[in-house]
Amino acid sequence: ARHNAGLHGSNEMRHAAQLPYIIIEAYCNDKGITFDEWMANSAHVNAMLNDPSLSHFRVWKGRV
């Protein structure tokens, strides 16, 4: 709905997704990392944002 409403930001700052905390927590548990590690390492965030199974949480549909 946010994508269809055009609420995905500007060229300078995109709103890529709105991931529920429970999804992030499940990812952290599966990978054996803490939330702090998830926040500190952009590879984890990018992996989630580019995961096709989580695409319904995406606001901006471009590649991260």
C-alpha atoms as a PDB file:
ATOM      1  CA  ALA A   1       0.000   0.000   0.000  1.00  0.00           C
ATOM      2  CA  ARG A   2       2.876   2.405   0.838  1.00  0.00           C
ATOM      3  CA  HIS A   3       4.488   1.655  -2.540  1.00  0.00           C
ATOM      4  CA  ASN A   4       1.238   2.233  -4.399  1.00  0.00           C
ATOM      5  CA  ALA A   5       0.762   5.520  -2.529  1.00  0.00           C
ATOM      6  CA  GLY A   6       4.230   6.643  -3.652  1.00  0.00           C
ATOM      7  CA  LEU A   7       5.626   6.678  -0.111  1.00  0.00           C
ATOM      8  CA  HIS A   8       8.981   5.121  -1.011  1.00  0.00           C
ATOM      9  CA  GLY A   9      11.181   8.183  -0.507  1.00  0.00           C
ATOM     10  CA  SER A  10      13.340  10.197  -2.875  1.00  0.00           C
ATOM     11  CA  ASN A  11      16.420   9.445  -4.978  1.00  0.00           C
ATOM     12  CA  GLU A  12      18.614  10.435  -2.022  1.00  0.00           C
ATOM     13  CA  MET A  13      16.896   8.292   0.623  1.00  0.00           C
ATOM     14  CA  ARG A  14      14.704   5.317  -0.233  1.00  0.00           C
ATOM     15  CA  HIS A  15      12.267   3.664   2.144  1.00  0.00           C
ATOM     16  CA  ALA A  16      13.145   0.120   1.150  1.00  0.00           C
ATOM     17  CA  ALA A  17      10.968  -1.936   3.499  1.00  0.00           C
ATOM     18  CA  GLN A  18       9.054  -2.135   6.716  1.00  0.00           C
ATOM     19  CA  LEU A  19      10.105  -5.369   8.384  1.00  0.00           C
ATOM     20  CA  PRO A  20       8.263  -6.463  11.530  1.00  0.00           C
ATOM     21  CA  TYR A  21      10.556  -7.084  14.481  1.00  0.00           C
ATOM     22  CA  ILE A  22       9.381 -10.698  14.764  1.00  0.00           C
ATOM     23  CA  ILE A  23      10.774 -11.364  11.257  1.00  0.00           C
ATOM     24  CA  ILE A  24      14.115  -9.782  12.179  1.00  0.00           C
ATOM     25  CA  GLU A  25      14.191 -11.764  15.418  1.00  0.00           C
ATOM     26  CA  ALA A  26      13.564 -15.021  13.534  1.00  0.00           C
ATOM     27  CA  TYR A  27      16.392 -14.172  11.108  1.00  0.00           C
ATOM     28  CA  CYS A  28      18.753 -13.473  14.029  1.00  0.00           C
ATOM     29  CA  ASN A  29      17.800 -16.748  15.714  1.00  0.00           C
ATOM     30  CA  ASP A  30      18.302 -18.708  12.469  1.00  0.00           C
ATOM     31  CA  LYS A  31      21.735 -17.124  11.892  1.00  0.00           C
ATOM     32  CA  GLY A  32      22.786 -17.296  15.544  1.00  0.00           C
ATOM     33  CA  ILE A  33      23.435 -13.557  15.818  1.00  0.00           C
ATOM     34  CA  THR A  34      22.216 -10.792  18.113  1.00  0.00           C
ATOM     35  CA  PHE A  35      20.098  -7.837  17.060  1.00  0.00           C
ATOM     36  CA  ASP A  36      23.148  -5.603  17.613  1.00  0.00           C
ATOM     37  CA  GLU A  37      25.143  -7.733  15.164  1.00  0.00           C
ATOM     38  CA  TRP A  38      22.286  -7.510  12.665  1.00  0.00           C
ATOM     39  CA  MET A  39      22.246  -3.712  12.953  1.00  0.00           C
ATOM     40  CA  ALA A  40      26.048  -3.393  12.722  1.00  0.00           C
ATOM     41  CA  ASN A  41      26.500  -5.567   9.629  1.00  0.00           C
ATOM     42  CA  SER A  42      24.677  -4.250   6.569  1.00  0.00           C
ATOM     43  CA  ALA A  43      25.148  -7.617   4.835  1.00  0.00           C
ATOM     44  CA  HIS A  44      22.446  -9.080   7.094  1.00  0.00           C
ATOM     45  CA  VAL A  45      20.046  -6.207   6.372  1.00  0.00           C
ATOM     46  CA  ASN A  46      20.717  -6.412   2.636  1.00  0.00           C
ATOM     47  CA  ALA A  47      20.203 -10.179   2.658  1.00  0.00           C
ATOM     48  CA  MET A  48      16.771  -9.713   4.185  1.00  0.00           C
ATOM     49  CA  LEU A  49      15.824  -6.819   1.904  1.00  0.00           C
ATOM     50  CA  ASN A  50      16.797  -8.781  -1.214  1.00  0.00           C
ATOM     51  CA  ASP A  51      15.169 -12.041  -0.081  1.00  0.00           C
ATOM     52  CA  PRO A  52      12.309 -12.809  -2.505  1.00  0.00           C
ATOM     53  CA  SER A  53      10.318 -14.532   0.247  1.00  0.00           C
ATOM     54  CA  LEU A  54      10.169 -11.206   2.152  1.00  0.00           C
ATOM     55  CA  SER A  55       9.253  -9.083  -0.888  1.00  0.00           C
ATOM     56  CA  HIS A  56       5.747  -8.384   0.445  1.00  0.00           C
ATOM     57  CA  PHE A  57       7.383  -6.200   3.150  1.00  0.00           C
ATOM     58  CA  ARG A  58       9.148  -4.088   0.525  1.00  0.00           C
ATOM     59  CA  VAL A  59       8.034  -0.497  -0.083  1.00  0.00           C
ATOM     60  CA  TRP A  60      10.598   0.418  -2.753  1.00  0.00           C
ATOM     61  CA  LYS A  61      11.043  -2.446  -5.205  1.00  0.00           C
ATOM     62  CA  GLY A  62      14.606  -1.618  -6.374  1.00  0.00           C
ATOM     63  CA  ARG A  63      17.707  -3.665  -5.584  1.00  0.00           C
ATOM     64  CA  VAL A  64      19.476  -2.789  -2.321  1.00  0.00           C
END
